[in-house]
């Protein structure tokens, strides 16, 4: 009798536990960024921001549609390559993720956005800044950072009105991001009366810039604008110093506006000449920036780069829309995502009809005593 009683009780407990487990639903959120190659430090930063949000959301015990939800991040490596980015986007679609945070680069995000549109999965980027991203009008595409239209133009206005620069050379890496921000800067600079005395091109894989910098030096501009990322910006600063170009201002967008460029420039004095733009308020002035940074540093000490707070907000934003729609189905919660008025760490996030963030702030930075400092 005792054995039968114990078996009956055990069976009852097992059935009850099974019923509880059956009510838990796994929801995957995709993340895409370069996790290999020279831009991996950006990608890991983005992934860490999204992963931190997932862990905090799971700790809340969220219930949606009558089921307890357990979120999981499906992180994929797009290697900052458009073709691999498209393949990753299709993989995330095939995996039926509920939403996507990313991609990092405009060159991968733009082609991926069509794939997400075709499979009806919302994507939120906190780092891809090329204005062309939202031009197709896909209802699944959202950006929570200022575009290059703001960053490139803002730098040109500062160069003309505050620095009183008369001449500039423009270099870009021919990527969607680099060329895009350089084009906006160039057009605005010309409109503000700055003469573009030289234009040069490189790639996002290059490390030797001596030839193009020598050509730039011959034109003796007041400044160099670089459209690209820090794996090239850092060595470029070092080589500018070697060529005696230490008197020139070095301008660039958020791609060079990182702490990593301090290391990549190898202690070059030209770092003191950098003025760069980032598409948000400084961390200390973000609504939740200081507290978020404390938690992030405790979890990922010494790894913060630039975009992690945006990927954190993007992940929270997707889940907030799911909660308001009481559904994790992308087709159901998409309308709520478009209507968001979400108080994030970075800002209060709301969208224009084309998926651009309403009134995005941006900040200019320089490097003081080797530290990135808002101006």
Protein backbone atom coordinates (compact mmCIF):
# COMPACT_ATOMS: atom_id res chain seq x y z
CA UNK A 1 0.00 0.00 0.00
CA UNK A 2 2.77 2.41 0.88
CA UNK A 3 4.49 1.80 -2.49
CA UNK A 4 1.24 2.40 -4.39
CA UNK A 5 0.56 5.56 -2.42
CA UNK A 6 4.05 6.91 -3.10
CA UNK A 7 3.76 6.11 -6.82
CA UNK A 8 0.37 7.82 -6.99
CA UNK A 9 1.69 10.96 -5.29
CA UNK A 10 4.80 10.99 -7.48
CA UNK A 11 2.68 10.61 -10.62
CA UNK A 12 0.47 13.47 -9.48
CA UNK A 13 3.48 15.72 -8.91
CA UNK A 14 4.92 14.80 -12.32
CA UNK A 15 1.64 15.57 -14.10
CA UNK A 16 1.37 18.91 -12.27
CA UNK A 17 4.94 19.84 -13.15
CA UNK A 18 4.28 18.87 -16.75
CA UNK A 19 1.21 21.10 -16.83
CA UNK A 20 3.28 24.06 -15.53
CA UNK A 21 6.00 23.43 -18.11
CA UNK A 22 3.41 23.18 -20.85
CA UNK A 23 2.29 26.70 -20.00
CA UNK A 24 5.80 28.11 -20.51
CA UNK A 25 6.53 29.35 -24.01
CA UNK A 26 9.99 29.82 -25.49
CA UNK A 27 10.29 33.00 -27.57
CA UNK A 28 13.47 33.58 -29.56
CA UNK A 29 14.69 37.05 -30.44
CA UNK A 30 17.32 37.23 -33.13
CA UNK A 31 20.47 39.31 -33.04
CA UNK A 32 22.84 39.90 -35.94
CA UNK A 33 26.22 41.66 -35.96
CA UNK A 34 29.86 40.91 -36.82
CA UNK A 35 31.15 38.48 -34.21
CA UNK A 36 34.31 37.75 -36.19
CA UNK A 37 36.77 39.93 -38.07
CA UNK A 38 38.05 43.45 -37.31
CA UNK A 39 34.62 44.75 -36.26
CA UNK A 40 33.93 41.97 -33.76
CA UNK A 41 34.33 44.32 -30.79
CA UNK A 42 31.29 46.25 -32.02
CA UNK A 43 29.34 43.04 -32.57
CA UNK A 44 30.10 41.64 -29.12
CA UNK A 45 29.13 44.97 -27.59
CA UNK A 46 25.78 44.84 -29.40
CA UNK A 47 25.21 41.23 -28.44
CA UNK A 48 26.03 41.94 -24.79
CA UNK A 49 23.46 44.73 -24.68
CA UNK A 50 20.74 42.49 -26.13
CA UNK A 51 21.73 39.52 -23.93
CA UNK A 52 21.63 41.66 -20.79
CA UNK A 53 18.09 42.77 -21.70
CA UNK A 54 17.02 39.14 -22.25
CA UNK A 55 18.33 38.10 -18.84
CA UNK A 56 16.58 40.98 -17.10
CA UNK A 57 13.31 40.27 -18.92
CA UNK A 58 13.43 36.59 -17.94
CA UNK A 59 13.94 37.58 -14.32
CA UNK A 60 10.62 39.46 -14.44
CA UNK A 61 8.53 36.32 -15.06
CA UNK A 62 6.57 37.91 -17.93
CA UNK A 63 3.23 36.41 -18.95
CA UNK A 64 1.87 37.03 -22.45
CA UNK A 65 -1.26 35.46 -23.89
CA UNK A 66 -1.82 33.52 -20.68
CA UNK A 67 1.58 31.82 -20.86
CA UNK A 68 4.78 32.45 -18.95
CA UNK A 69 7.39 33.50 -21.48
CA UNK A 70 11.04 32.55 -21.49
CA UNK A 71 13.06 34.62 -23.92
CA UNK A 72 16.16 33.37 -25.66
CA UNK A 73 18.65 35.30 -27.80
CA UNK A 74 19.60 33.69 -31.10
CA UNK A 75 22.85 35.47 -31.94
CA UNK A 76 24.26 35.19 -35.45
CA UNK A 77 27.52 36.39 -37.01
CA UNK A 78 27.07 38.43 -40.21
CA UNK A 79 30.83 39.30 -40.33
CA UNK A 80 29.89 42.85 -41.50
CA UNK A 81 29.43 41.29 -44.95
CA UNK A 82 26.24 42.03 -46.96
CA UNK A 83 26.00 38.51 -48.42
CA UNK A 84 26.50 36.84 -45.07
CA UNK A 85 24.08 39.36 -43.57
CA UNK A 86 21.40 38.28 -46.03
CA UNK A 87 22.08 34.61 -45.26
CA UNK A 88 21.81 35.30 -41.52
CA UNK A 89 18.54 37.18 -42.05
CA UNK A 90 17.08 34.22 -43.92
CA UNK A 91 18.27 31.85 -41.18
CA UNK A 92 16.52 33.95 -38.54
CA UNK A 93 13.35 33.95 -40.64
CA UNK A 94 13.53 30.17 -41.05
CA UNK A 95 14.06 29.86 -37.28
CA UNK A 96 10.81 31.81 -36.79
CA UNK A 97 12.28 34.30 -34.35
CA UNK A 98 9.71 36.72 -32.97
CA UNK A 99 11.80 39.80 -33.79
CA UNK A 100 15.32 40.88 -34.66
CA UNK A 101 17.74 43.30 -33.01
CA UNK A 102 20.30 44.48 -35.57
CA UNK A 103 22.14 44.51 -37.76
CA UNK A 104 25.18 46.61 -36.81
CA UNK A 105 26.28 47.89 -40.22
CA UNK A 106 24.17 49.70 -42.79
CA UNK A 107 25.68 47.50 -45.50
CA UNK A 108 24.22 44.37 -43.89
CA UNK A 109 21.06 45.94 -42.46
CA UNK A 110 19.73 47.36 -45.73
CA UNK A 111 19.63 44.06 -47.69
CA UNK A 112 18.51 42.16 -44.57
CA UNK A 113 15.59 44.55 -44.04
CA UNK A 114 13.87 43.32 -47.21
CA UNK A 115 14.20 39.71 -46.09
CA UNK A 116 12.64 40.50 -42.71
CA UNK A 117 9.88 42.42 -44.49
CA UNK A 118 9.16 39.46 -46.77
CA UNK A 119 8.87 37.08 -43.80
CA UNK A 120 6.97 39.69 -41.72
CA UNK A 121 9.42 39.87 -38.79
CA UNK A 122 10.05 43.26 -37.14
CA UNK A 123 13.67 44.39 -36.93
CA UNK A 124 15.02 47.23 -34.77
CA UNK A 125 18.52 48.58 -35.34
CA UNK A 126 20.35 50.79 -32.90
CA UNK A 127 23.47 51.31 -34.99
CA UNK A 128 22.82 51.21 -38.77
CA UNK A 129 22.62 54.89 -39.73
CA UNK A 130 22.41 55.11 -43.55
CA UNK A 131 19.27 57.12 -44.45
CA UNK A 132 18.45 54.66 -47.27
CA UNK A 133 17.45 52.04 -44.71
CA UNK A 134 13.94 53.45 -44.24
CA UNK A 135 13.38 54.72 -47.79
CA UNK A 136 11.63 51.54 -49.04
CA UNK A 137 8.95 52.11 -46.39
CA UNK A 138 8.95 48.59 -44.96
CA UNK A 139 6.56 48.46 -42.02
CA UNK A 140 8.87 45.99 -40.28
CA UNK A 141 11.93 48.30 -40.20
CA UNK A 142 12.69 50.54 -37.21
CA UNK A 143 15.70 52.63 -36.18
CA UNK A 144 16.28 54.00 -32.66
CA UNK A 145 19.33 56.16 -33.37
CA UNK A 146 19.91 59.28 -35.44
CA UNK A 147 20.65 58.65 -39.12
CA UNK A 148 23.64 59.92 -41.08
CA UNK A 149 21.47 62.79 -42.29
CA UNK A 150 21.80 64.18 -38.76
CA UNK A 151 25.35 63.04 -37.98
CA UNK A 152 27.04 64.04 -41.25
CA UNK A 153 25.21 67.34 -41.43
CA UNK A 154 25.84 68.12 -37.76
CA UNK A 155 29.57 67.60 -38.17
CA UNK A 156 29.66 69.83 -41.26
CA UNK A 157 27.79 72.62 -39.50
CA UNK A 158 30.16 72.38 -36.52
CA UNK A 159 33.18 72.40 -38.84
CA UNK A 160 31.97 75.55 -40.59
CA UNK A 161 30.37 77.55 -37.80
CA UNK A 162 32.50 76.64 -34.76
CA UNK A 163 35.85 75.43 -36.08
CA UNK A 164 35.75 77.93 -38.99
CA UNK A 165 37.34 75.39 -41.33
CA UNK A 166 37.83 76.50 -44.94
CA UNK A 167 39.05 73.32 -46.63
CA UNK A 168 38.58 69.59 -46.06
CA UNK A 169 39.58 66.28 -47.64
CA UNK A 170 37.01 63.47 -47.59
CA UNK A 171 37.92 59.79 -47.33
CA UNK A 172 35.45 56.91 -47.12
CA UNK A 173 35.58 53.12 -47.04
CA UNK A 174 32.99 52.58 -49.83
CA UNK A 175 30.59 50.76 -47.51
CA UNK A 176 26.94 51.82 -47.28
CA UNK A 177 27.70 53.43 -43.93
CA UNK A 178 31.01 55.07 -44.75
CA UNK A 179 30.04 56.40 -48.14
CA UNK A 180 26.63 57.48 -46.85
CA UNK A 181 27.88 59.58 -43.94
CA UNK A 182 30.69 61.04 -46.08
CA UNK A 183 28.24 62.09 -48.80
CA UNK A 184 25.97 63.86 -46.31
CA UNK A 185 28.96 65.61 -44.73
CA UNK A 186 30.35 66.68 -48.12
CA UNK A 187 27.05 68.12 -49.39
CA UNK A 188 26.42 70.04 -46.17
CA UNK A 189 30.03 71.26 -45.96
CA UNK A 190 29.90 72.63 -49.50
CA UNK A 191 26.58 74.34 -48.75
CA UNK A 192 28.24 75.93 -45.69
CA UNK A 193 31.11 77.31 -47.79
CA UNK A 194 33.78 74.71 -47.03
CA UNK A 195 35.83 73.67 -50.06
CA UNK A 196 36.39 69.93 -50.56
CA UNK A 197 39.94 69.87 -51.91
CA UNK A 198 40.36 66.10 -52.26
CA UNK A 199 38.36 62.87 -52.17
CA UNK A 200 39.94 59.48 -51.55
CA UNK A 201 38.61 55.96 -51.09
CA UNK A 202 39.73 52.90 -49.17
CA UNK A 203 38.06 49.68 -47.96
CA UNK A 204 36.84 48.38 -44.62
CA UNK A 205 39.65 45.80 -44.70
CA UNK A 206 42.59 48.16 -45.35
CA UNK A 207 45.32 49.02 -42.84
CA UNK A 208 47.83 50.95 -44.98
CA UNK A 209 46.73 54.48 -45.86
CA UNK A 210 50.10 56.06 -46.61
CA UNK A 211 49.41 56.57 -50.34
CA UNK A 212 46.03 58.26 -49.94
CA UNK A 213 47.20 60.31 -46.95
CA UNK A 214 50.25 61.50 -48.91
CA UNK A 215 47.90 62.66 -51.67
CA UNK A 216 45.72 64.41 -49.08
CA UNK A 217 48.75 66.06 -47.45
CA UNK A 218 49.73 67.60 -50.78
CA UNK A 219 46.40 69.50 -50.79
CA UNK A 220 47.02 70.76 -47.21
CA UNK A 221 43.39 70.80 -46.01
CA UNK A 222 42.34 72.16 -42.63
CA UNK A 223 40.68 68.82 -41.84
CA UNK A 224 40.16 65.25 -42.94
CA UNK A 225 36.70 63.69 -42.78
CA UNK A 226 36.69 59.90 -42.62
CA UNK A 227 33.56 57.86 -43.33
CA UNK A 228 34.20 54.42 -41.87
CA UNK A 229 34.90 52.42 -38.73
CA UNK A 230 37.62 52.47 -36.09
CA UNK A 231 39.71 49.50 -37.38
CA UNK A 232 40.69 51.89 -40.20
CA UNK A 233 40.30 55.20 -38.34
CA UNK A 234 42.83 54.23 -35.66
CA UNK A 235 45.70 53.29 -38.00
CA UNK A 236 44.85 56.31 -40.17
CA UNK A 237 45.44 58.61 -37.20
CA UNK A 238 48.75 56.91 -36.48
CA UNK A 239 49.89 57.26 -40.10
CA UNK A 240 48.77 60.90 -40.24
CA UNK A 241 51.12 61.59 -37.35
CA UNK A 242 53.96 59.80 -39.15
CA UNK A 243 53.38 62.00 -42.20
CA UNK A 244 53.41 65.24 -40.21
CA UNK A 245 49.67 65.90 -40.51
CA UNK A 246 49.21 66.57 -36.81
CA UNK A 247 47.76 70.05 -37.38
CA UNK A 248 44.67 68.73 -39.20
CA UNK A 249 41.29 68.16 -37.53
CA UNK A 250 40.01 64.59 -37.99
CA UNK A 251 36.23 64.37 -38.33
CA UNK A 252 34.01 61.28 -38.45
CA UNK A 253 30.70 59.70 -37.54
CA UNK A 254 29.83 57.16 -34.87
CA UNK A 255 31.97 54.49 -36.55
CA UNK A 256 35.13 56.12 -35.16
CA UNK A 257 33.47 57.45 -32.00
CA UNK A 258 34.60 54.56 -29.78
CA UNK A 259 36.91 53.91 -26.88
CA UNK A 260 38.63 51.25 -29.01
CA UNK A 261 40.06 53.89 -31.37
CA UNK A 262 42.32 55.02 -28.52
CA UNK A 263 44.05 51.62 -28.64
CA UNK A 264 43.90 51.35 -32.43
CA UNK A 265 45.58 54.74 -32.89
CA UNK A 266 48.53 53.49 -30.84
CA UNK A 267 48.82 56.58 -28.71
CA UNK A 268 49.13 58.94 -31.68
CA UNK A 269 48.87 62.62 -30.76
CA UNK A 270 46.48 63.09 -33.68
CA UNK A 271 43.80 61.48 -31.48
CA UNK A 272 43.59 64.90 -29.82
CA UNK A 273 42.35 66.31 -33.17
CA UNK A 274 39.33 63.99 -33.45
CA UNK A 275 35.78 65.36 -33.46
CA UNK A 276 33.16 62.64 -33.92
CA UNK A 277 29.39 62.36 -33.73
CA UNK A 278 27.20 59.76 -32.03
CA UNK A 279 23.47 59.48 -32.65
CA UNK A 280 22.26 59.87 -29.08
CA UNK A 281 22.81 61.75 -25.84
CA UNK A 282 25.91 60.96 -23.75
CA UNK A 283 25.42 58.05 -21.35
CA UNK A 284 25.41 60.38 -18.37
CA UNK A 285 22.55 62.37 -19.90
CA UNK A 286 20.49 59.40 -21.06
CA UNK A 287 17.34 58.83 -18.94
CA UNK A 288 18.70 55.59 -17.50
CA UNK A 289 22.28 55.71 -18.73
CA UNK A 290 24.22 55.85 -15.48
CA UNK A 291 22.37 53.00 -13.78
CA UNK A 292 22.47 50.90 -16.94
CA UNK A 293 26.24 51.42 -17.33
CA UNK A 294 26.83 50.30 -13.74
CA UNK A 295 24.90 47.06 -14.36
CA UNK A 296 26.58 46.52 -17.73
CA UNK A 297 30.11 47.00 -16.35
CA UNK A 298 29.39 44.56 -13.52
CA UNK A 299 28.34 41.92 -16.05
CA UNK A 300 30.79 42.74 -18.86
CA UNK A 301 33.73 44.59 -17.25
CA UNK A 302 35.84 46.60 -19.66
CA UNK A 303 33.89 45.55 -22.75
CA UNK A 304 31.62 48.54 -23.36
CA UNK A 305 32.10 50.16 -26.76
CA UNK A 306 29.21 52.28 -28.06
CA UNK A 307 25.95 50.64 -29.17
CA UNK A 308 25.11 48.25 -26.31
CA UNK A 309 22.53 50.59 -24.68
CA UNK A 310 20.68 50.80 -28.00
CA UNK A 311 20.53 47.03 -28.51
CA UNK A 312 19.40 46.75 -24.89
CA UNK A 313 16.60 49.22 -25.60
CA UNK A 314 15.74 47.56 -28.91
CA UNK A 315 15.24 44.23 -27.15
CA UNK A 316 13.15 45.78 -24.38
CA UNK A 317 11.15 47.69 -27.01
CA UNK A 318 10.19 44.51 -28.89
CA UNK A 319 9.02 42.85 -25.68
CA UNK A 320 7.12 45.94 -24.57
CA UNK A 321 5.14 45.80 -27.83
CA UNK A 322 4.45 42.09 -27.30
CA UNK A 323 3.12 42.81 -23.81
CA UNK A 324 0.84 45.59 -25.03
CA UNK A 325 -0.47 43.39 -27.84
CA UNK A 326 -0.69 40.38 -25.46
CA UNK A 327 0.90 38.33 -28.22
CA UNK A 328 4.35 37.21 -29.31
CA UNK A 329 3.14 36.77 -32.90
CA UNK A 330 5.04 39.32 -35.04
CA UNK A 331 2.00 39.92 -37.23
CA UNK A 332 -0.05 40.79 -34.13
CA UNK A 333 2.37 42.92 -32.12
CA UNK A 334 3.82 44.83 -35.12
CA UNK A 335 1.10 47.48 -34.95
CA UNK A 336 1.84 48.07 -31.26
CA UNK A 337 5.55 48.38 -32.04
CA UNK A 338 4.82 51.13 -34.55
CA UNK A 339 2.75 52.97 -31.91
CA UNK A 340 5.46 52.72 -29.24
CA UNK A 341 6.07 55.45 -26.72
CA UNK A 342 8.68 53.61 -24.73
CA UNK A 343 10.84 55.07 -21.99
CA UNK A 344 14.15 53.40 -22.63
CA UNK A 345 17.63 53.75 -21.21
CA UNK A 346 18.75 55.86 -24.19
CA UNK A 347 15.65 58.03 -24.75
CA UNK A 348 11.88 58.03 -25.00
CA UNK A 349 11.37 56.02 -28.18
CA UNK A 350 8.55 56.81 -30.60
CA UNK A 351 8.48 56.42 -34.37
CA UNK A 352 7.63 58.36 -37.49
CA UNK A 353 5.49 56.58 -40.08
CA UNK A 354 8.63 55.36 -41.90
CA UNK A 355 10.15 53.71 -38.81
CA UNK A 356 12.60 56.51 -38.04
CA UNK A 357 12.82 57.61 -34.42
CA UNK A 358 11.11 60.89 -33.63
CA UNK A 359 13.48 63.69 -32.60
CA UNK A 360 16.64 61.61 -32.14
CA UNK A 361 19.42 63.45 -30.29
CA UNK A 362 23.07 63.39 -31.34
CA UNK A 363 26.26 64.38 -29.54
CA UNK A 364 29.70 65.56 -30.63
CA UNK A 365 32.72 64.10 -28.86
CA UNK A 366 36.46 64.63 -28.68
CA UNK A 367 39.21 62.71 -26.91
CA UNK A 368 40.60 64.37 -23.82
CA UNK A 369 43.56 62.72 -22.10
CA UNK A 370 42.80 59.56 -24.09
CA UNK A 371 39.14 59.42 -23.02
CA UNK A 372 36.08 59.93 -25.18
CA UNK A 373 34.44 63.08 -23.82
CA UNK A 374 31.22 64.87 -24.90
CA UNK A 375 31.77 68.39 -26.14
